[in-house]
Amino acid sequence: MSLSGVFGEIIGMVIGLYVAYSIPSWHIPIILNQAYQTYLPISVTSIVLSGVMKILMHVSPWYPVKKFFEALAIVVGMWALYMLILIFPLDFGAIQRPEINTIVKFALYIALIATGIGLIATCFAMFKAIFKICSE
């Protein structure tokens, strides 16, 4: 059990929630559009669920269970990333740079693909550990 990891996750969740709720007050409404209010509950849910899964990962004594919780945290992150792509609460057209919208969306798709590869690697490690335990 890693208490430093648990406390780190709690601190990360608090900071993430603070940032998610305070972004509208950062006086950048030119870039943020009204869709951010639609995305806010998704981001908060993702922050909390991912944090809880990571805490369970740190507390779990068995490697395959740790990998299972890590995979769940990755799935939650992929869901939030996919919803960010769908809702896309940013608009750089207001600052005369609409091409940045395309670049950011492309980068988000690349991040989604990379996260999917990470999920596959995590699941592979989990199944490998399960098969190793079963074969002993």
C-alpha atoms as a PDB file:
ATOM      1  CA  MET A   1       0.000   0.000   0.000  1.00  0.00           C
ATOM      2  CA  SER A   2       1.374   3.379  -1.011  1.00  0.00           C
ATOM      3  CA  LEU A   3       0.108   6.144   1.257  1.00  0.00           C
ATOM      4  CA  SER A   4       2.133   8.783  -0.561  1.00  0.00           C
ATOM      5  CA  GLY A   5       0.379   7.746  -3.782  1.00  0.00           C
ATOM      6  CA  VAL A   6      -3.023   7.972  -2.087  1.00  0.00           C
ATOM      7  CA  PHE A   7      -2.310  11.446  -0.728  1.00  0.00           C
ATOM      8  CA  GLY A   8      -0.917  12.475  -4.103  1.00  0.00           C
ATOM      9  CA  GLU A   9      -4.112  11.371  -5.822  1.00  0.00           C
ATOM     10  CA  ILE A  10      -6.251  13.258  -3.303  1.00  0.00           C
ATOM     11  CA  ILE A  11      -4.199  16.414  -3.805  1.00  0.00           C
ATOM     12  CA  GLY A  12      -4.412  15.939  -7.575  1.00  0.00           C
ATOM     13  CA  MET A  13      -8.200  15.557  -7.405  1.00  0.00           C
ATOM     14  CA  VAL A  14      -8.570  18.723  -5.315  1.00  0.00           C
ATOM     15  CA  ILE A  15      -6.363  20.716  -7.681  1.00  0.00           C
ATOM     16  CA  GLY A  16      -8.152  19.287 -10.736  1.00  0.00           C
ATOM     17  CA  LEU A  17     -11.568  20.145  -9.326  1.00  0.00           C
ATOM     18  CA  TYR A  18     -10.400  23.653  -8.416  1.00  0.00           C
ATOM     19  CA  VAL A  19      -9.070  24.251 -11.917  1.00  0.00           C
ATOM     20  CA  ALA A  20     -12.173  22.805 -13.595  1.00  0.00           C
ATOM     21  CA  TYR A  21     -14.494  25.055 -11.596  1.00  0.00           C
ATOM     22  CA  SER A  22     -12.330  28.174 -11.727  1.00  0.00           C
ATOM     23  CA  ILE A  23     -11.430  28.240 -15.438  1.00  0.00           C
ATOM     24  CA  PRO A  24     -14.479  30.376 -16.342  1.00  0.00           C
ATOM     25  CA  SER A  25     -13.294  33.062 -13.910  1.00  0.00           C
ATOM     26  CA  TRP A  26      -9.816  33.280 -15.494  1.00  0.00           C
ATOM     27  CA  HIS A  27     -11.085  35.970 -17.863  1.00  0.00           C
ATOM     28  CA  ILE A  28     -10.519  33.959 -21.018  1.00  0.00           C
ATOM     29  CA  PRO A  29     -14.155  33.829 -22.153  1.00  0.00           C
ATOM     30  CA  ILE A  30     -12.982  34.657 -25.655  1.00  0.00           C
ATOM     31  CA  ILE A  31     -11.601  31.117 -26.031  1.00  0.00           C
ATOM     32  CA  LEU A  32     -14.132  29.280 -23.833  1.00  0.00           C
ATOM     33  CA  ASN A  33     -17.623  29.098 -25.246  1.00  0.00           C
ATOM     34  CA  GLN A  34     -20.896  28.119 -23.592  1.00  0.00           C
ATOM     35  CA  ALA A  35     -20.221  24.445 -24.283  1.00  0.00           C
ATOM     36  CA  TYR A  36     -17.791  24.495 -21.338  1.00  0.00           C
ATOM     37  CA  GLN A  37     -20.766  24.460 -18.972  1.00  0.00           C
ATOM     38  CA  THR A  38     -21.915  21.295 -20.746  1.00  0.00           C
ATOM     39  CA  TYR A  39     -18.473  19.721 -20.415  1.00  0.00           C
ATOM     40  CA  LEU A  40     -17.937  20.739 -16.756  1.00  0.00           C
ATOM     41  CA  PRO A  41     -19.946  17.860 -15.180  1.00  0.00           C
ATOM     42  CA  ILE A  42     -18.128  15.400 -17.426  1.00  0.00           C
ATOM     43  CA  SER A  43     -14.731  16.729 -16.397  1.00  0.00           C
ATOM     44  CA  VAL A  44     -15.651  16.708 -12.701  1.00  0.00           C
ATOM     45  CA  THR A  45     -16.949  13.144 -12.947  1.00  0.00           C
ATOM     46  CA  SER A  46     -13.804  12.096 -14.775  1.00  0.00           C
ATOM     47  CA  ILE A  47     -11.527  13.715 -12.203  1.00  0.00           C
ATOM     48  CA  VAL A  48     -13.305  12.080  -9.275  1.00  0.00           C
ATOM     49  CA  LEU A  49     -13.701   8.615 -10.848  1.00  0.00           C
ATOM     50  CA  SER A  50     -10.149   8.530 -12.130  1.00  0.00           C
ATOM     51  CA  GLY A  51      -8.840   9.639  -8.736  1.00  0.00           C
ATOM     52  CA  VAL A  52     -10.859   6.995  -6.914  1.00  0.00           C
ATOM     53  CA  MET A  53      -9.633   4.290  -9.297  1.00  0.00           C
ATOM     54  CA  LYS A  54      -6.029   5.409  -8.804  1.00  0.00           C
ATOM     55  CA  ILE A  55      -6.485   5.411  -5.010  1.00  0.00           C
ATOM     56  CA  LEU A  56      -7.859   1.871  -5.200  1.00  0.00           C
ATOM     57  CA  MET A  57      -4.883   1.004  -7.374  1.00  0.00           C
ATOM     58  CA  HIS A  58      -2.475   2.282  -4.696  1.00  0.00           C
ATOM     59  CA  VAL A  59      -4.320   0.479  -1.890  1.00  0.00           C
ATOM     60  CA  SER A  60      -4.672  -2.888  -3.640  1.00  0.00           C
ATOM     61  CA  PRO A  61      -2.178  -5.552  -2.547  1.00  0.00           C
ATOM     62  CA  TRP A  62      -2.279  -7.644  -5.762  1.00  0.00           C
ATOM     63  CA  TYR A  63      -0.652  -6.656  -9.016  1.00  0.00           C
ATOM     64  CA  PRO A  64      -3.479  -7.861 -11.329  1.00  0.00           C
ATOM     65  CA  VAL A  65      -6.049  -5.911  -9.315  1.00  0.00           C
ATOM     66  CA  LYS A  66      -3.820  -2.829  -9.466  1.00  0.00           C
ATOM     67  CA  LYS A  67      -3.694  -3.160 -13.236  1.00  0.00           C
ATOM     68  CA  PHE A  68      -7.478  -3.619 -13.360  1.00  0.00           C
ATOM     69  CA  PHE A  69      -8.044  -0.342 -11.496  1.00  0.00           C
ATOM     70  CA  GLU A  70      -5.443   1.344 -13.689  1.00  0.00           C
ATOM     71  CA  ALA A  71      -7.317   0.129 -16.784  1.00  0.00           C
ATOM     72  CA  LEU A  72     -10.582   1.490 -15.376  1.00  0.00           C
ATOM     73  CA  ALA A  73      -8.934   4.858 -14.753  1.00  0.00           C
ATOM     74  CA  ILE A  74      -7.695   4.875 -18.349  1.00  0.00           C
ATOM     75  CA  VAL A  75     -11.195   4.065 -19.625  1.00  0.00           C
ATOM     76  CA  VAL A  76     -12.605   6.975 -17.623  1.00  0.00           C
ATOM     77  CA  GLY A  77      -9.936   9.250 -19.073  1.00  0.00           C
ATOM     78  CA  MET A  78     -10.714   8.057 -22.592  1.00  0.00           C
ATOM     79  CA  TRP A  79     -14.402   8.751 -22.031  1.00  0.00           C
ATOM     80  CA  ALA A  80     -13.645  12.289 -20.861  1.00  0.00           C
ATOM     81  CA  LEU A  81     -11.290  12.860 -23.783  1.00  0.00           C
ATOM     82  CA  TYR A  82     -13.865  11.589 -26.266  1.00  0.00           C
ATOM     83  CA  MET A  83     -16.523  13.859 -24.771  1.00  0.00           C
ATOM     84  CA  LEU A  84     -14.087  16.779 -24.954  1.00  0.00           C
ATOM     85  CA  ILE A  85     -13.691  16.106 -28.666  1.00  0.00           C
ATOM     86  CA  LEU A  86     -17.467  15.908 -29.151  1.00  0.00           C
ATOM     87  CA  ILE A  87     -18.388  18.967 -27.102  1.00  0.00           C
ATOM     88  CA  PHE A  88     -15.169  20.959 -27.794  1.00  0.00           C
ATOM     89  CA  PRO A  89     -15.663  23.969 -25.489  1.00  0.00           C
ATOM     90  CA  LEU A  90     -12.885  25.991 -27.123  1.00  0.00           C
ATOM     91  CA  ASP A  91     -13.169  28.509 -29.945  1.00  0.00           C
ATOM     92  CA  PHE A  92     -10.035  30.185 -31.214  1.00  0.00           C
ATOM     93  CA  GLY A  93     -11.970  31.900 -33.999  1.00  0.00           C
ATOM     94  CA  ALA A  94     -12.648  34.807 -31.663  1.00  0.00           C
ATOM     95  CA  ILE A  95      -8.936  35.640 -31.612  1.00  0.00           C
ATOM     96  CA  GLN A  96      -8.671  35.439 -35.418  1.00  0.00           C
ATOM     97  CA  ARG A  97      -7.060  31.966 -35.291  1.00  0.00           C
ATOM     98  CA  PRO A  98      -9.733  29.431 -36.359  1.00  0.00           C
ATOM     99  CA  GLU A  99      -7.047  27.047 -37.654  1.00  0.00           C
ATOM    100  CA  ILE A 100      -6.004  26.378 -34.055  1.00  0.00           C
ATOM    101  CA  ASN A 101      -9.379  24.636 -33.528  1.00  0.00           C
ATOM    102  CA  THR A 102      -8.425  22.063 -36.172  1.00  0.00           C
ATOM    103  CA  ILE A 103      -4.946  21.600 -34.714  1.00  0.00           C
ATOM    104  CA  VAL A 104      -6.282  21.115 -31.172  1.00  0.00           C
ATOM    105  CA  LYS A 105      -8.932  18.628 -32.322  1.00  0.00           C
ATOM    106  CA  PHE A 106      -6.285  16.683 -34.259  1.00  0.00           C
ATOM    107  CA  ALA A 107      -4.064  16.636 -31.153  1.00  0.00           C
ATOM    108  CA  LEU A 108      -6.998  15.374 -29.074  1.00  0.00           C
ATOM    109  CA  TYR A 109      -7.578  12.535 -31.554  1.00  0.00           C
ATOM    110  CA  ILE A 110      -3.890  11.615 -31.348  1.00  0.00           C
ATOM    111  CA  ALA A 111      -4.129  11.678 -27.534  1.00  0.00           C
ATOM    112  CA  LEU A 112      -7.191   9.414 -27.680  1.00  0.00           C
ATOM    113  CA  ILE A 113      -5.331   6.926 -29.872  1.00  0.00           C
ATOM    114  CA  ALA A 114      -2.276   7.016 -27.597  1.00  0.00           C
ATOM    115  CA  THR A 115      -4.476   6.476 -24.548  1.00  0.00           C
ATOM    116  CA  GLY A 116      -6.083   3.511 -26.289  1.00  0.00           C
ATOM    117  CA  ILE A 117      -2.631   2.027 -26.889  1.00  0.00           C
ATOM    118  CA  GLY A 118      -1.879   2.551 -23.194  1.00  0.00           C
ATOM    119  CA  LEU A 119      -5.111   0.764 -22.298  1.00  0.00           C
ATOM    120  CA  ILE A 120      -4.139  -2.188 -24.476  1.00  0.00           C
ATOM    121  CA  ALA A 121      -0.711  -2.346 -22.835  1.00  0.00           C
ATOM    122  CA  THR A 122      -2.237  -2.173 -19.357  1.00  0.00           C
ATOM    123  CA  CYS A 123      -4.742  -4.922 -20.148  1.00  0.00           C
ATOM    124  CA  PHE A 124      -1.951  -7.053 -21.595  1.00  0.00           C
ATOM    125  CA  ALA A 125       0.069  -6.621 -18.372  1.00  0.00           C
ATOM    126  CA  MET A 126      -2.999  -7.477 -16.286  1.00  0.00           C
ATOM    127  CA  PHE A 127      -3.771 -10.655 -18.241  1.00  0.00           C
ATOM    128  CA  LYS A 128      -0.120 -11.644 -18.222  1.00  0.00           C
ATOM    129  CA  ALA A 129      -0.051 -11.343 -14.405  1.00  0.00           C
ATOM    130  CA  ILE A 130      -3.304 -13.322 -14.112  1.00  0.00           C
ATOM    131  CA  PHE A 131      -1.965 -16.128 -16.308  1.00  0.00           C
ATOM    132  CA  LYS A 132       1.278 -16.177 -14.335  1.00  0.00           C
ATOM    133  CA  ILE A 133      -0.634 -16.537 -11.067  1.00  0.00           C
ATOM    134  CA  CYS A 134      -2.888 -19.261 -12.531  1.00  0.00           C
ATOM    135  CA  SER A 135       0.034 -21.257 -13.894  1.00  0.00           C
ATOM    136  CA  GLU A 136       1.817 -21.438 -10.540  1.00  0.00           C
END
